[in-house]
Amino acid sequence: MTAMDTVVDVGWCQALRTLLDRAHLVTPSGLAALVAEAAGPLGLRPTIWLIDYEQTSLHAMPVAGRETPGPIPVDGSLPGRAFASVVSLYVGGSGTQAGRWWVPVVNGTERFGLIEFTPVDGTDGQGRDFVTRCELLAGLVGHLLGTIMTGGDGIEQLRRTRPMSVAAELLWRQLPPLTSSTEAAVVTAILQPCYDVGGDGFDYVLENTGACLLVLDAMGRGLGAGLACAVALAAIRATRRAGRGLYDQARAADAALLDQFQDARFATAVLAELDLETGRLRYVNAGHPAPLLLRGGRLVRQLSDGRRMPLGVDDPSVEVAEESLEPGDRLLLYTDGVTEARADGGERFGVDRLVDLTERHAGSGLPAPETLRRLAHTVTAHQGGPPADDATLMLVEWSATASHRTVPGARQVIRDDEGRS
């Protein structure tokens, strides 16, 4: 290591220390200014871009004294490519415009957005060592965002393009991160319409040796459905955390719904446990669409066993079904708002289209959350107007390769003066 390398590393260590020292007292709205302050001595101008709830555009966090740029679409843009693929991407400068790096910001493996690092004052912004340091700083910012973003409204307001309904506000606060990964598997989910969701919800636990999965669809729309979904989710979660199995979880949801609602309110659901060492899947289906088992680019089968009445109906005859998965398999859970989505002419989206698009996107090497993002937007585009029902998707990939695709990595893409990459 040369003396210059030592000086550079000391500068980056000081930037990280500034972030950590000041993060104890920073507000969510003040994080962008803090990152700019920490990176300034390195000859960098950072801009934090956050994904909106629709997952269609990236929005810049404001910094006092700077002009805030407008949103950038994910589809069709170079920054969008960096976000979608979870890779660091270099865009070469042209004319008076400096080149810059677009580096993913994740918390664990949940995608929050990007940091745009623009070198200033003649700083050399190319080379593997440089982007590795940028990724280290962006990784710290991702964890800080995950810690502080709910402590204020500024980030939430930035990520919303319109007001959220009371039911949606309630449900979003109950949900786990959209994506989590381990060395063996990745679980990712998406919920639409994000600002007006009513009765749909999901939950999961991802441990080293196993995963617990839940997709819910409470009857009706609006706040009543949202409350029913939240009650069922909480009952199942509490029972699971007490060490009880699928049968008891379903019965706990029955009891909670019957106790809290006098209007026979119920929810369909799939509850499942996947052993990530053996591939043994155990599941209960409470009146819900059958999960899809995908292998090698095709549908193996719909998992149609383990049937019982919907949650909230006193049904003690719960049967826990079993299925064997193989490494590399994909398990897709969904609510009927996906397959029942209709075009202007009345054509349903359907299971066949769902399977085809899932395998087409997943087979292209995209990270699992990007597969679901594109799939959800295709369902939305299929409908001629506002959705008639909520639509929730959960994708589980039992694959180390799929897991590693959700972790940020570096790939250099240089754009020429004409904008080609």
Protein backbone atom coordinates (compact mmCIF):
# COMPACT_ATOMS: atom_id res chain seq x y z
CA MET A 1 0.00 0.00 0.00
CA THR A 2 1.40 3.39 -0.99
CA ALA A 3 1.37 6.52 1.16
CA MET A 4 -1.36 7.92 -1.12
CA ASP A 5 -3.49 4.82 -0.57
CA THR A 6 -3.10 5.30 3.18
CA VAL A 7 -4.25 8.91 2.93
CA VAL A 8 -7.24 7.87 0.81
CA ASP A 9 -8.26 5.15 3.26
CA VAL A 10 -7.94 7.51 6.21
CA GLY A 11 -10.27 9.92 4.41
CA TRP A 12 -12.89 7.25 3.79
CA CYS A 13 -12.62 5.99 7.37
CA GLN A 14 -13.20 9.53 8.58
CA ALA A 15 -16.29 9.78 6.34
CA LEU A 16 -17.71 6.58 7.81
CA ARG A 17 -16.90 7.75 11.33
CA THR A 18 -18.67 11.06 10.70
CA LEU A 19 -21.76 9.17 9.56
CA LEU A 20 -21.76 6.83 12.54
CA ASP A 21 -21.04 9.52 15.12
CA ARG A 22 -23.71 11.91 13.84
CA ALA A 23 -26.31 9.22 13.03
CA HIS A 24 -27.28 8.93 16.70
CA LEU A 25 -29.00 12.32 16.56
CA VAL A 26 -29.88 12.72 12.88
CA THR A 27 -33.50 12.98 11.78
CA PRO A 28 -34.74 11.06 8.72
CA SER A 29 -35.02 14.29 6.72
CA GLY A 30 -31.49 15.28 7.73
CA LEU A 31 -29.75 12.10 6.55
CA ALA A 32 -29.06 13.35 3.00
CA ALA A 33 -27.32 16.47 4.30
CA LEU A 34 -25.25 14.38 6.73
CA VAL A 35 -24.11 12.05 3.93
CA ALA A 36 -23.19 15.07 1.80
CA GLU A 37 -21.19 16.52 4.69
CA ALA A 38 -19.35 13.25 5.30
CA ALA A 39 -18.51 12.66 1.62
CA GLY A 40 -17.61 16.26 0.77
CA PRO A 41 -13.98 16.04 1.98
CA LEU A 42 -13.52 13.02 -0.34
CA GLY A 43 -14.29 15.19 -3.36
CA LEU A 44 -17.72 13.64 -3.82
CA ARG A 45 -21.19 15.07 -4.23
CA PRO A 46 -23.66 12.34 -3.16
CA THR A 47 -27.39 12.36 -3.89
CA ILE A 48 -29.66 9.79 -2.23
CA TRP A 49 -32.50 8.51 -4.43
CA LEU A 50 -35.35 6.52 -2.86
CA ILE A 51 -37.83 4.25 -4.61
CA ASP A 52 -41.50 5.18 -4.33
CA TYR A 53 -44.21 2.85 -3.07
CA GLU A 54 -45.30 2.04 -6.64
CA GLN A 55 -41.70 1.01 -7.42
CA THR A 56 -41.84 2.99 -10.64
CA SER A 57 -39.61 6.02 -9.95
CA LEU A 58 -36.62 7.13 -7.89
CA HIS A 59 -36.94 10.39 -5.92
CA ALA A 60 -34.02 12.53 -4.71
CA MET A 61 -33.77 13.41 -1.03
CA PRO A 62 -33.51 17.20 -0.69
CA VAL A 63 -30.39 18.89 0.68
CA ALA A 64 -30.60 22.51 1.81
CA GLY A 65 -28.91 24.90 -0.62
CA ARG A 66 -29.14 22.48 -3.54
CA GLU A 67 -31.67 22.23 -6.32
CA THR A 68 -33.53 18.94 -6.00
CA PRO A 69 -33.72 17.07 -9.33
CA GLY A 70 -36.98 15.54 -10.53
CA PRO A 71 -37.88 11.84 -10.35
CA ILE A 72 -36.12 9.26 -12.51
CA PRO A 73 -38.15 6.36 -13.92
CA VAL A 74 -36.88 2.88 -13.13
CA ASP A 75 -37.87 1.49 -16.52
CA GLY A 76 -35.80 2.78 -19.42
CA SER A 77 -33.11 4.64 -17.44
CA LEU A 78 -29.51 3.78 -16.58
CA PRO A 79 -30.03 4.50 -12.86
CA GLY A 80 -33.12 2.30 -13.10
CA ARG A 81 -30.93 -0.49 -14.43
CA ALA A 82 -28.66 -0.19 -11.39
CA PHE A 83 -31.68 -0.35 -9.08
CA ALA A 84 -33.33 -3.26 -10.89
CA SER A 85 -30.21 -5.41 -11.07
CA VAL A 86 -28.75 -4.37 -7.70
CA VAL A 87 -25.41 -3.47 -9.31
CA SER A 88 -23.16 -0.44 -9.19
CA LEU A 89 -23.16 1.29 -12.55
CA TYR A 90 -20.79 3.94 -13.94
CA VAL A 91 -22.07 6.52 -16.39
CA GLY A 92 -19.35 8.34 -18.28
CA GLY A 93 -19.45 12.13 -18.50
CA SER A 94 -19.89 14.21 -21.63
CA GLY A 95 -19.00 17.84 -22.24
CA THR A 96 -19.03 19.68 -18.91
CA GLN A 97 -20.93 16.91 -17.14
CA ALA A 98 -18.81 14.69 -14.92
CA GLY A 99 -19.16 10.94 -14.88
CA ARG A 100 -20.79 9.41 -11.84
CA TRP A 101 -21.49 6.13 -10.07
CA TRP A 102 -24.99 4.89 -9.26
CA VAL A 103 -24.67 2.57 -6.27
CA PRO A 104 -27.54 0.47 -4.79
CA VAL A 105 -28.78 1.22 -1.28
CA VAL A 106 -30.24 -1.81 0.50
CA ASN A 107 -31.08 -2.72 4.08
CA GLY A 108 -30.21 -6.39 4.27
CA THR A 109 -31.46 -7.17 0.77
CA GLU A 110 -34.50 -4.87 0.67
CA ARG A 111 -33.98 -2.29 -2.07
CA PHE A 112 -34.36 1.30 -0.84
CA GLY A 113 -32.87 3.06 -3.86
CA LEU A 114 -29.48 4.41 -4.99
CA ILE A 115 -26.77 6.89 -4.12
CA GLU A 116 -25.48 8.95 -7.03
CA PHE A 117 -21.78 9.69 -6.39
CA THR A 118 -20.51 12.57 -8.54
CA PRO A 119 -16.76 13.29 -8.25
CA VAL A 120 -15.85 16.99 -8.04
CA ASP A 121 -12.60 18.97 -7.89
CA GLY A 122 -10.78 16.58 -10.20
CA THR A 123 -11.34 13.51 -8.02
CA ASP A 124 -10.65 10.28 -9.90
CA GLY A 125 -14.04 8.58 -9.86
CA GLN A 126 -13.12 5.40 -11.69
CA GLY A 127 -11.54 2.12 -10.69
CA ARG A 128 -12.59 -0.86 -8.64
CA ASP A 129 -11.16 0.44 -5.36
CA PHE A 130 -13.14 3.66 -5.68
CA VAL A 131 -16.50 1.99 -6.26
CA THR A 132 -15.81 -0.54 -3.48
CA ARG A 133 -15.49 2.38 -1.08
CA CYS A 134 -18.68 3.94 -2.47
CA GLU A 135 -20.49 0.65 -1.92
CA LEU A 136 -19.25 0.55 1.68
CA LEU A 137 -20.64 4.03 2.32
CA ALA A 138 -23.92 3.19 0.56
CA GLY A 139 -24.23 0.01 2.63
CA LEU A 140 -23.97 2.02 5.83
CA VAL A 141 -26.56 4.49 4.55
CA GLY A 142 -28.93 1.61 3.79
CA HIS A 143 -28.70 0.31 7.35
CA LEU A 144 -29.15 3.83 8.74
CA LEU A 145 -32.26 4.31 6.61
CA GLY A 146 -33.70 1.06 7.91
CA THR A 147 -33.09 2.25 11.47
CA ILE A 148 -34.29 5.87 11.36
CA MET A 149 -36.76 6.21 8.48
CA THR A 150 -39.83 5.52 10.62
CA GLY A 151 -38.77 8.14 13.17
CA GLY A 152 -40.16 10.96 11.05
CA ASP A 153 -42.47 11.61 8.13
CA GLY A 154 -40.02 13.17 5.68
CA ILE A 155 -38.87 9.97 3.98
CA GLU A 156 -42.37 8.51 3.96
CA GLN A 157 -43.70 11.67 2.29
CA LEU A 158 -40.91 11.58 -0.31
CA ARG A 159 -41.76 7.99 -1.25
CA ARG A 160 -45.47 8.69 -1.71
CA THR A 161 -46.89 10.24 -4.86
CA ARG A 162 -50.39 10.50 -3.42
CA PRO A 163 -52.15 10.10 -0.05
CA MET A 164 -52.47 6.65 1.46
CA SER A 165 -55.79 5.29 2.71
CA VAL A 166 -56.28 4.52 6.40
CA ALA A 167 -56.46 0.78 5.66
CA ALA A 168 -53.22 0.89 3.66
CA GLU A 169 -51.47 2.91 6.37
CA LEU A 170 -52.52 0.30 8.92
CA LEU A 171 -51.41 -2.69 6.85
CA TRP A 172 -48.06 -1.35 5.70
CA ARG A 173 -47.05 -0.89 9.34
CA GLN A 174 -47.72 -4.60 10.00
CA LEU A 175 -45.61 -6.02 7.18
CA PRO A 176 -42.03 -7.31 7.20
CA PRO A 177 -39.46 -6.03 4.65
CA LEU A 178 -40.42 -6.70 1.05
CA THR A 179 -37.27 -8.82 0.58
CA SER A 180 -35.01 -10.90 2.81
CA SER A 181 -32.30 -13.39 1.91
CA THR A 182 -30.03 -15.96 3.48
CA GLU A 183 -27.24 -17.99 1.93
CA ALA A 184 -29.81 -20.60 0.93
CA ALA A 185 -32.95 -18.75 -0.12
CA VAL A 186 -34.66 -15.46 -0.87
CA VAL A 187 -38.23 -14.44 0.02
CA THR A 188 -39.75 -11.42 -1.66
CA ALA A 189 -43.27 -10.01 -1.80
CA ILE A 190 -45.19 -7.11 -3.33
CA LEU A 191 -48.56 -5.57 -2.52
CA GLN A 192 -50.80 -3.63 -4.92
CA PRO A 193 -52.51 -1.17 -5.07
CA CYS A 194 -49.97 0.23 -2.62
CA TYR A 195 -51.95 3.33 -1.57
CA ASP A 196 -55.39 1.77 -1.29
CA VAL A 197 -54.83 -1.85 -0.33
CA GLY A 198 -57.61 -3.28 1.80
CA GLY A 199 -57.59 -6.89 2.94
CA ASP A 200 -54.38 -8.36 1.51
CA GLY A 201 -51.28 -8.94 3.60
CA PHE A 202 -48.26 -11.21 4.01
CA ASP A 203 -45.71 -12.30 6.56
CA TYR A 204 -42.62 -14.49 6.61
CA VAL A 205 -39.72 -15.59 8.76
CA LEU A 206 -36.44 -16.56 7.11
CA GLU A 207 -33.93 -18.39 9.29
CA ASN A 208 -30.75 -20.31 8.48
CA THR A 209 -32.53 -23.65 8.19
CA GLY A 210 -36.13 -22.80 7.41
CA ALA A 211 -38.77 -20.32 6.33
CA CYS A 212 -42.32 -19.65 7.53
CA LEU A 213 -44.64 -18.10 4.94
CA LEU A 214 -48.06 -16.48 5.04
CA VAL A 215 -50.26 -14.80 2.44
CA LEU A 216 -53.66 -13.42 3.53
CA ASP A 217 -56.74 -12.03 1.78
CA ALA A 218 -59.47 -10.74 4.11
CA MET A 219 -62.95 -10.39 2.65
CA GLY A 220 -64.12 -6.99 1.45
CA ARG A 221 -62.32 -3.71 0.97
CA GLY A 222 -61.39 -0.70 3.05
CA LEU A 223 -60.69 -0.39 6.74
CA GLY A 224 -62.86 -3.33 7.83
CA ALA A 225 -60.90 -5.69 5.61
CA GLY A 226 -57.63 -4.14 6.72
CA LEU A 227 -58.51 -4.66 10.37
CA ALA A 228 -59.45 -8.29 9.74
CA CYS A 229 -56.17 -8.89 7.92
CA ALA A 230 -54.19 -7.26 10.74
CA VAL A 231 -56.00 -9.34 13.39
CA ALA A 232 -55.40 -12.62 11.56
CA LEU A 233 -51.77 -11.75 10.85
CA ALA A 234 -51.13 -10.84 14.49
CA ALA A 235 -52.79 -13.99 15.79
CA ILE A 236 -50.74 -16.21 13.48
CA ARG A 237 -47.52 -14.34 14.26
CA ALA A 238 -48.05 -14.52 18.03
CA THR A 239 -48.84 -18.25 17.88
CA ARG A 240 -45.84 -18.97 15.66
CA ARG A 241 -43.54 -17.06 18.02
CA ALA A 242 -44.88 -19.14 20.89
CA GLY A 243 -43.44 -22.19 19.11
CA ARG A 244 -46.75 -23.60 17.83
CA GLY A 245 -47.23 -25.19 14.42
CA LEU A 246 -49.43 -24.53 11.40
CA TYR A 247 -52.54 -26.17 12.82
CA ASP A 248 -52.47 -24.02 15.94
CA GLN A 249 -51.67 -20.89 13.94
CA ALA A 250 -54.74 -21.34 11.77
CA ARG A 251 -56.95 -22.07 14.76
CA ALA A 252 -55.62 -18.99 16.58
CA ALA A 253 -56.62 -16.86 13.58
CA ASP A 254 -60.10 -18.47 13.65
CA ALA A 255 -60.52 -17.60 17.32
CA ALA A 256 -59.24 -14.02 16.95
CA LEU A 257 -61.50 -13.22 13.99
CA LEU A 258 -64.56 -14.78 15.63
CA ASP A 259 -63.85 -12.88 18.82
CA GLN A 260 -63.30 -9.46 17.23
CA PHE A 261 -65.93 -9.38 14.48
CA GLN A 262 -69.64 -10.02 14.75
CA ASP A 263 -70.32 -9.97 11.01
CA ALA A 264 -68.80 -13.35 10.09
CA ARG A 265 -65.69 -11.72 8.66
CA PHE A 266 -63.17 -14.19 7.29
CA ALA A 267 -59.86 -14.34 5.42
CA THR A 268 -58.43 -16.83 2.96
CA ALA A 269 -54.80 -17.72 3.51
CA VAL A 270 -51.89 -20.03 2.85
CA LEU A 271 -49.64 -20.84 5.81
CA ALA A 272 -46.46 -22.76 5.05
CA GLU A 273 -43.15 -23.96 6.50
CA LEU A 274 -40.17 -24.79 4.30
CA ASP A 275 -37.18 -26.76 5.59
CA LEU A 276 -34.19 -25.27 3.75
CA GLU A 277 -32.00 -28.29 4.52
CA THR A 278 -34.31 -31.02 3.20
CA GLY A 279 -36.78 -29.15 0.95
CA ARG A 280 -39.76 -30.45 2.94
CA LEU A 281 -42.69 -28.06 2.57
CA ARG A 282 -45.67 -28.26 4.94
CA TYR A 283 -48.69 -26.08 4.27
CA VAL A 284 -52.32 -25.33 5.07
CA ASN A 285 -54.66 -23.75 2.54
CA ALA A 286 -57.62 -21.89 4.06
CA GLY A 287 -59.81 -21.33 1.00
CA HIS A 288 -57.02 -19.62 -0.93
CA PRO A 289 -55.66 -19.98 -4.50
CA ALA A 290 -53.22 -22.90 -4.67
CA PRO A 291 -49.51 -21.99 -4.54
CA LEU A 292 -47.49 -22.75 -7.67
CA LEU A 293 -44.36 -24.91 -7.66
CA LEU A 294 -41.99 -23.95 -10.47
CA ARG A 295 -38.95 -25.97 -11.51
CA GLY A 296 -36.59 -25.67 -14.43
CA GLY A 297 -38.61 -23.01 -16.21
CA ARG A 298 -41.99 -24.70 -16.00
CA LEU A 299 -44.91 -25.32 -13.68
CA VAL A 300 -44.53 -28.63 -11.84
CA ARG A 301 -47.90 -28.51 -10.09
CA GLN A 302 -50.39 -26.42 -8.19
CA LEU A 303 -50.24 -27.29 -4.50
CA SER A 304 -53.93 -28.00 -4.00
CA ASP A 305 -53.90 -30.13 -0.83
CA GLY A 306 -54.11 -29.10 2.83
CA ARG A 307 -57.58 -27.60 2.37
CA ARG A 308 -59.78 -26.19 5.09
CA MET A 309 -62.40 -23.43 5.40
CA PRO A 310 -61.24 -19.77 5.39
CA LEU A 311 -59.81 -18.34 8.59
CA GLY A 312 -62.57 -17.03 10.82
CA VAL A 313 -64.79 -20.04 10.15
CA ASP A 314 -64.68 -22.50 13.05
CA ASP A 315 -63.12 -25.43 11.23
CA PRO A 316 -61.19 -27.89 13.42
CA SER A 317 -60.54 -30.33 10.56
CA VAL A 318 -57.25 -28.77 9.50
CA GLU A 319 -55.01 -31.06 7.45
CA VAL A 320 -51.37 -30.16 6.99
CA ALA A 321 -50.17 -31.15 3.51
CA GLU A 322 -46.61 -31.92 2.50
CA GLU A 323 -44.56 -31.44 -0.67
CA SER A 324 -40.90 -32.05 -1.53
CA LEU A 325 -38.94 -29.24 -3.15
CA GLU A 326 -35.62 -29.49 -4.97
CA PRO A 327 -32.77 -26.96 -4.83
CA GLY A 328 -33.44 -24.22 -7.37
CA ASP A 329 -37.24 -24.52 -7.10
CA ARG A 330 -39.45 -21.45 -6.98
CA LEU A 331 -42.62 -21.27 -4.92
CA LEU A 332 -45.14 -18.60 -5.90
CA LEU A 333 -47.99 -17.60 -3.57
CA TYR A 334 -50.59 -15.05 -4.63
CA THR A 335 -54.05 -13.68 -3.95
CA ASP A 336 -56.94 -13.94 -6.40
CA GLY A 337 -56.61 -10.26 -7.30
CA VAL A 338 -53.68 -11.33 -9.49
CA THR A 339 -55.26 -14.06 -11.59
CA GLU A 340 -58.73 -12.46 -11.57
CA ALA A 341 -57.45 -9.10 -12.90
CA ARG A 342 -59.40 -8.35 -16.09
CA ALA A 343 -58.62 -6.35 -19.19
CA ASP A 344 -61.13 -3.96 -20.79
CA GLY A 345 -62.54 -6.82 -22.84
CA GLY A 346 -63.01 -9.03 -19.77
CA GLU A 347 -59.98 -11.31 -20.32
CA ARG A 348 -58.61 -12.64 -17.02
CA PHE A 349 -54.91 -12.44 -16.29
CA GLY A 350 -55.02 -16.14 -15.39
CA VAL A 351 -52.64 -18.70 -13.94
CA ASP A 352 -50.97 -19.58 -17.27
CA ARG A 353 -49.93 -16.00 -17.91
CA LEU A 354 -48.74 -15.69 -14.30
CA VAL A 355 -46.50 -18.77 -14.61
CA ASP A 356 -45.16 -17.77 -18.03
CA LEU A 357 -44.17 -14.26 -16.95
CA THR A 358 -42.68 -15.42 -13.65
CA GLU A 359 -40.39 -17.90 -15.36
CA ARG A 360 -39.55 -15.53 -18.20
CA HIS A 361 -38.40 -12.79 -15.82
CA ALA A 362 -36.73 -15.12 -13.33
CA GLY A 363 -34.99 -16.99 -16.15
CA SER A 364 -33.38 -13.76 -17.36
CA GLY A 365 -31.15 -13.66 -14.28
CA LEU A 366 -32.98 -10.80 -12.58
CA PRO A 367 -33.02 -10.63 -8.78
CA ALA A 368 -36.22 -12.10 -7.31
CA PRO A 369 -37.62 -8.72 -6.14
CA GLU A 370 -37.21 -7.33 -9.64
CA THR A 371 -39.05 -10.34 -11.06
CA LEU A 372 -41.99 -9.54 -8.77
CA ARG A 373 -41.83 -5.79 -9.48
CA ARG A 374 -42.16 -6.39 -13.21
CA LEU A 375 -44.80 -9.03 -12.72
CA ALA A 376 -46.94 -6.76 -10.51
CA HIS A 377 -46.70 -3.93 -13.04
CA THR A 378 -47.76 -6.30 -15.81
CA VAL A 379 -50.85 -7.27 -13.77
CA THR A 380 -51.64 -3.57 -13.25
CA ALA A 381 -51.17 -2.79 -16.94
CA HIS A 382 -53.45 -5.68 -17.90
CA GLN A 383 -56.40 -3.98 -16.21
CA GLY A 384 -58.28 -1.32 -18.09
CA GLY A 385 -58.85 0.89 -15.04
CA PRO A 386 -58.51 0.92 -11.27
CA PRO A 387 -58.03 -2.60 -9.85
CA ALA A 388 -61.19 -4.34 -8.66
CA ASP A 389 -59.28 -6.18 -5.93
CA ASP A 390 -55.98 -6.19 -4.06
CA ALA A 391 -53.15 -8.19 -5.61
CA THR A 392 -50.36 -9.73 -3.55
CA LEU A 393 -47.47 -11.87 -4.74
CA MET A 394 -44.81 -13.75 -2.77
CA LEU A 395 -41.91 -15.52 -4.45
CA VAL A 396 -39.60 -17.95 -2.64
CA GLU A 397 -36.44 -19.11 -4.40
CA TRP A 398 -34.55 -21.96 -2.75
CA SER A 399 -31.25 -21.14 -4.40
CA ALA A 400 -27.92 -19.71 -3.27
CA THR A 401 -27.49 -18.15 -6.69
CA ALA A 402 -30.84 -16.38 -6.41
CA SER A 403 -29.88 -15.13 -2.94
CA HIS A 404 -26.59 -13.68 -4.11
CA ARG A 405 -28.35 -11.78 -6.90
CA THR A 406 -30.11 -9.73 -4.21
CA VAL A 407 -26.80 -8.57 -2.70
CA PRO A 408 -25.21 -5.44 -4.22
CA GLY A 409 -22.28 -6.02 -6.55
CA ALA A 410 -20.23 -3.91 -8.96
CA ARG A 411 -20.32 -3.87 -12.73
CA GLN A 412 -18.93 -1.00 -14.77
CA VAL A 413 -21.09 0.34 -17.60
CA ILE A 414 -19.66 3.37 -19.41
CA ARG A 415 -21.96 5.54 -21.51
CA ASP A 416 -20.61 7.29 -24.58
CA ASP A 417 -21.55 10.79 -25.71
CA GLU A 418 -24.61 9.49 -27.57
CA GLY A 419 -25.98 7.83 -24.45
CA ARG A 420 -25.35 4.25 -25.52
CA SER A 421 -24.17 1.79 -22.91
